[in-house]
Amino acid sequence: MRRREFVGQASCGLATFLAASSLPAGAQTAGQTSSPEKPVVLPPRKFYRIDLEIFEARPDTWCHKKGDTFRYPQDWGKICPWLRGSLNDFVRILESGGTLSWRYEGTPYEKVIDPDGVTTEYVRCPDPTANLVVKIIRTRVEPPKPQQQ
């Protein structure tokens, strides 16, 4: 069997498995056709607000101070590029409804994981001189109202 034939099959590949396992019961993958009796129903999209708070920082750090707050994506350009690099993957996961399983139990970084409310995550800046930790706070919000034209 050729590689393209193998990869093209709907039943093979980790990506197909992961996509299919995350779908609600009765949902279909891209390679399947829908029947007239069973329309494809997507789960309702959840909306989140992402806030960033400098949770820890050396008092003499050059970029951000403990207690500084930022809203994603509005304030993204105000954040140090090194720190943005560390935050990017975590923010993208949280804004799409995902969570990271570790909890840091018994530490100052103990997390809250509530997909239907507030979820927190902690990320350290890679600058070894900053000693900076950011708390990412994801809060579920109501969907935006459609704009009137």
C-alpha atoms as a PDB file:
ATOM      1  CA  MET A   1       0.000   0.000   0.000  1.00  0.00           C
ATOM      2  CA  ARG A   2       1.305   3.453  -0.838  1.00  0.00           C
ATOM      3  CA  ARG A   3       1.750   6.070   1.863  1.00  0.00           C
ATOM      4  CA  ARG A   4      -0.880   8.415   0.401  1.00  0.00           C
ATOM      5  CA  GLU A   5      -3.439   5.614   0.303  1.00  0.00           C
ATOM      6  CA  PHE A   6      -2.625   4.651   3.893  1.00  0.00           C
ATOM      7  CA  VAL A   7      -2.796   8.230   5.202  1.00  0.00           C
ATOM      8  CA  GLY A   8      -5.912   8.962   3.167  1.00  0.00           C
ATOM      9  CA  GLN A   9      -7.965   6.211   4.787  1.00  0.00           C
ATOM     10  CA  ALA A  10     -10.512   7.590   7.288  1.00  0.00           C
ATOM     11  CA  SER A  11      -9.770   4.836   9.795  1.00  0.00           C
ATOM     12  CA  CYS A  12      -6.024   5.414  10.153  1.00  0.00           C
ATOM     13  CA  GLY A  13      -3.824   8.020  11.750  1.00  0.00           C
ATOM     14  CA  LEU A  14      -3.601   9.505  15.200  1.00  0.00           C
ATOM     15  CA  ALA A  15      -5.203  12.782  14.066  1.00  0.00           C
ATOM     16  CA  THR A  16      -8.297  10.972  12.807  1.00  0.00           C
ATOM     17  CA  PHE A  17      -8.535   8.990  16.041  1.00  0.00           C
ATOM     18  CA  LEU A  18      -8.201  12.105  18.196  1.00  0.00           C
ATOM     19  CA  ALA A  19     -10.676  14.080  16.108  1.00  0.00           C
ATOM     20  CA  ALA A  20     -13.226  11.279  16.164  1.00  0.00           C
ATOM     21  CA  SER A  21     -12.813  10.623  19.891  1.00  0.00           C
ATOM     22  CA  SER A  22     -13.459  14.293  20.737  1.00  0.00           C
ATOM     23  CA  LEU A  23     -16.681  14.523  18.718  1.00  0.00           C
ATOM     24  CA  PRO A  24     -20.042  14.283  20.478  1.00  0.00           C
ATOM     25  CA  ALA A  25     -22.050  11.104  19.956  1.00  0.00           C
ATOM     26  CA  GLY A  26     -23.569  11.049  16.492  1.00  0.00           C
ATOM     27  CA  ALA A  27     -21.234  13.690  15.018  1.00  0.00           C
ATOM     28  CA  GLN A  28     -19.356  12.887  11.838  1.00  0.00           C
ATOM     29  CA  THR A  29     -15.811  13.280  10.603  1.00  0.00           C
ATOM     30  CA  ALA A  30     -14.930  14.958   7.300  1.00  0.00           C
ATOM     31  CA  GLY A  31     -14.804  11.714   5.316  1.00  0.00           C
ATOM     32  CA  GLN A  32     -18.296  10.584   6.280  1.00  0.00           C
ATOM     33  CA  THR A  33     -21.479  11.566   4.494  1.00  0.00           C
ATOM     34  CA  SER A  34     -24.557  12.645   6.353  1.00  0.00           C
ATOM     35  CA  SER A  35     -27.856  10.907   5.886  1.00  0.00           C
ATOM     36  CA  PRO A  36     -31.092  12.882   5.498  1.00  0.00           C
ATOM     37  CA  GLU A  37     -32.418  11.388   8.759  1.00  0.00           C
ATOM     38  CA  LYS A  38     -29.498  12.505  10.936  1.00  0.00           C
ATOM     39  CA  PRO A  39     -28.285  16.069  10.396  1.00  0.00           C
ATOM     40  CA  VAL A  40     -24.873  16.959  11.782  1.00  0.00           C
ATOM     41  CA  VAL A  41     -25.276  18.863  15.034  1.00  0.00           C
ATOM     42  CA  LEU A  42     -22.295  20.740  16.379  1.00  0.00           C
ATOM     43  CA  PRO A  43     -22.004  21.441  20.101  1.00  0.00           C
ATOM     44  CA  PRO A  44     -22.595  25.062  21.044  1.00  0.00           C
ATOM     45  CA  ARG A  45     -19.426  27.149  21.004  1.00  0.00           C
ATOM     46  CA  LYS A  46     -18.213  28.418  24.372  1.00  0.00           C
ATOM     47  CA  PHE A  47     -16.829  31.926  24.738  1.00  0.00           C
ATOM     48  CA  TYR A  48     -14.110  32.970  27.167  1.00  0.00           C
ATOM     49  CA  ARG A  49     -12.388  36.076  28.476  1.00  0.00           C
ATOM     50  CA  ILE A  50      -8.644  35.659  29.015  1.00  0.00           C
ATOM     51  CA  ASP A  51      -6.938  37.813  31.664  1.00  0.00           C
ATOM     52  CA  LEU A  52      -3.232  37.741  32.474  1.00  0.00           C
ATOM     53  CA  GLU A  53      -1.845  38.757  35.863  1.00  0.00           C
ATOM     54  CA  ILE A  54       1.813  39.017  36.856  1.00  0.00           C
ATOM     55  CA  PHE A  55       1.691  36.667  39.834  1.00  0.00           C
ATOM     56  CA  GLU A  56       5.390  36.794  40.763  1.00  0.00           C
ATOM     57  CA  ALA A  57       8.230  39.073  39.702  1.00  0.00           C
ATOM     58  CA  ARG A  58      11.489  40.327  41.147  1.00  0.00           C
ATOM     59  CA  PRO A  59      10.970  43.874  42.461  1.00  0.00           C
ATOM     60  CA  ASP A  60      13.750  45.188  40.208  1.00  0.00           C
ATOM     61  CA  THR A  61      12.708  43.387  37.020  1.00  0.00           C
ATOM     62  CA  TRP A  62      12.916  45.534  33.895  1.00  0.00           C
ATOM     63  CA  CYS A  63       9.667  44.619  32.140  1.00  0.00           C
ATOM     64  CA  HIS A  64       6.640  43.742  34.267  1.00  0.00           C
ATOM     65  CA  LYS A  65       5.816  44.244  37.942  1.00  0.00           C
ATOM     66  CA  LYS A  66       3.897  41.964  40.298  1.00  0.00           C
ATOM     67  CA  GLY A  67       0.197  42.765  40.015  1.00  0.00           C
ATOM     68  CA  ASP A  68       0.297  44.074  36.429  1.00  0.00           C
ATOM     69  CA  THR A  69      -2.770  42.868  34.504  1.00  0.00           C
ATOM     70  CA  PHE A  70      -3.443  42.445  30.814  1.00  0.00           C
ATOM     71  CA  ARG A  71      -6.448  41.397  28.725  1.00  0.00           C
ATOM     72  CA  TYR A  72      -5.940  38.979  25.822  1.00  0.00           C
ATOM     73  CA  PRO A  73      -5.896  39.832  22.920  1.00  0.00           C
ATOM     74  CA  GLN A  74      -6.303  43.601  23.491  1.00  0.00           C
ATOM     75  CA  ASP A  75      -3.062  44.038  25.503  1.00  0.00           C
ATOM     76  CA  TRP A  76      -0.972  41.344  23.786  1.00  0.00           C
ATOM     77  CA  GLY A  77       1.404  43.917  22.297  1.00  0.00           C
ATOM     78  CA  LYS A  78       2.130  45.369  25.764  1.00  0.00           C
ATOM     79  CA  ILE A  79       3.684  42.097  26.945  1.00  0.00           C
ATOM     80  CA  CYS A  80       7.404  41.368  26.653  1.00  0.00           C
ATOM     81  CA  PRO A  81       8.124  39.197  23.564  1.00  0.00           C
ATOM     82  CA  TRP A  82       9.914  36.553  25.658  1.00  0.00           C
ATOM     83  CA  LEU A  83       6.918  36.237  27.924  1.00  0.00           C
ATOM     84  CA  ARG A  84       4.484  36.174  24.974  1.00  0.00           C
ATOM     85  CA  GLY A  85       6.456  33.248  23.559  1.00  0.00           C
ATOM     86  CA  SER A  86       5.940  31.294  26.776  1.00  0.00           C
ATOM     87  CA  LEU A  87       2.283  32.231  27.096  1.00  0.00           C
ATOM     88  CA  ASN A  88       1.165  31.662  23.509  1.00  0.00           C
ATOM     89  CA  ASP A  89       0.470  27.915  23.564  1.00  0.00           C
ATOM     90  CA  PHE A  90      -1.206  28.055  26.978  1.00  0.00           C
ATOM     91  CA  VAL A  91      -3.464  30.966  25.990  1.00  0.00           C
ATOM     92  CA  ARG A  92      -4.431  29.245  22.726  1.00  0.00           C
ATOM     93  CA  ILE A  93      -5.339  26.025  24.573  1.00  0.00           C
ATOM     94  CA  LEU A  94      -7.408  27.854  27.186  1.00  0.00           C
ATOM     95  CA  GLU A  95      -9.207  30.139  24.723  1.00  0.00           C
ATOM     96  CA  SER A  96     -10.344  27.106  22.720  1.00  0.00           C
ATOM     97  CA  GLY A  97     -11.802  25.415  25.806  1.00  0.00           C
ATOM     98  CA  GLY A  98      -8.922  23.057  26.594  1.00  0.00           C
ATOM     99  CA  THR A  99      -7.283  22.507  29.951  1.00  0.00           C
ATOM    100  CA  LEU A 100      -3.961  21.155  31.115  1.00  0.00           C
ATOM    101  CA  SER A 101      -4.216  18.320  33.599  1.00  0.00           C
ATOM    102  CA  TRP A 102      -1.452  19.156  36.056  1.00  0.00           C
ATOM    103  CA  ARG A 103      -2.634  21.026  39.165  1.00  0.00           C
ATOM    104  CA  TYR A 104       0.473  21.918  41.236  1.00  0.00           C
ATOM    105  CA  GLU A 105      -1.325  20.783  44.389  1.00  0.00           C
ATOM    106  CA  GLY A 106       0.139  22.086  47.637  1.00  0.00           C
ATOM    107  CA  THR A 107       2.038  24.935  45.917  1.00  0.00           C
ATOM    108  CA  PRO A 108       1.265  28.646  45.464  1.00  0.00           C
ATOM    109  CA  TYR A 109       0.477  27.743  41.830  1.00  0.00           C
ATOM    110  CA  GLU A 110      -2.427  25.392  42.593  1.00  0.00           C
ATOM    111  CA  LYS A 111      -4.891  25.674  39.726  1.00  0.00           C
ATOM    112  CA  VAL A 112      -8.622  25.900  39.306  1.00  0.00           C
ATOM    113  CA  ILE A 113     -10.037  23.797  36.471  1.00  0.00           C
ATOM    114  CA  ASP A 114     -13.693  24.511  35.720  1.00  0.00           C
ATOM    115  CA  PRO A 115     -14.596  24.403  32.004  1.00  0.00           C
ATOM    116  CA  ASP A 116     -17.938  26.081  32.759  1.00  0.00           C
ATOM    117  CA  GLY A 117     -16.555  28.844  34.970  1.00  0.00           C
ATOM    118  CA  VAL A 118     -13.076  30.071  35.867  1.00  0.00           C
ATOM    119  CA  THR A 119      -9.924  28.117  34.985  1.00  0.00           C
ATOM    120  CA  THR A 120      -6.388  29.206  35.859  1.00  0.00           C
ATOM    121  CA  GLU A 121      -2.935  28.304  34.589  1.00  0.00           C
ATOM    122  CA  TYR A 122       0.550  29.478  35.588  1.00  0.00           C
ATOM    123  CA  VAL A 123       3.421  30.114  33.180  1.00  0.00           C
ATOM    124  CA  ARG A 124       7.005  31.130  33.911  1.00  0.00           C
ATOM    125  CA  CYS A 125       8.935  33.575  31.740  1.00  0.00           C
ATOM    126  CA  PRO A 126      12.062  32.057  30.131  1.00  0.00           C
ATOM    127  CA  ASP A 127      14.177  35.126  31.071  1.00  0.00           C
ATOM    128  CA  PRO A 128      16.264  33.729  33.944  1.00  0.00           C
ATOM    129  CA  THR A 129      16.804  37.211  35.411  1.00  0.00           C
ATOM    130  CA  ALA A 130      13.105  38.124  35.665  1.00  0.00           C
ATOM    131  CA  ASN A 131      11.922  35.315  37.969  1.00  0.00           C
ATOM    132  CA  LEU A 132       8.457  36.097  36.603  1.00  0.00           C
ATOM    133  CA  VAL A 133       5.294  33.964  36.760  1.00  0.00           C
ATOM    134  CA  VAL A 134       2.031  34.827  35.013  1.00  0.00           C
ATOM    135  CA  LYS A 135      -1.381  33.631  36.104  1.00  0.00           C
ATOM    136  CA  ILE A 136      -3.716  33.093  33.158  1.00  0.00           C
ATOM    137  CA  ILE A 137      -7.368  33.405  34.127  1.00  0.00           C
ATOM    138  CA  ARG A 138     -10.001  32.060  31.736  1.00  0.00           C
ATOM    139  CA  THR A 139     -13.582  33.050  32.504  1.00  0.00           C
ATOM    140  CA  ARG A 140     -16.553  31.701  30.592  1.00  0.00           C
ATOM    141  CA  VAL A 141     -18.742  34.494  29.240  1.00  0.00           C
ATOM    142  CA  GLU A 142     -21.996  34.718  27.342  1.00  0.00           C
ATOM    143  CA  PRO A 143     -21.748  34.724  23.546  1.00  0.00           C
ATOM    144  CA  PRO A 144     -21.581  38.183  21.997  1.00  0.00           C
ATOM    145  CA  LYS A 145     -24.876  39.558  20.799  1.00  0.00           C
ATOM    146  CA  PRO A 146     -25.263  39.790  17.001  1.00  0.00           C
ATOM    147  CA  GLN A 147     -24.667  43.302  15.683  1.00  0.00           C
ATOM    148  CA  GLN A 148     -27.618  45.161  14.188  1.00  0.00           C
ATOM    149  CA  GLN A 149     -27.082  46.541  10.692  1.00  0.00           C
END
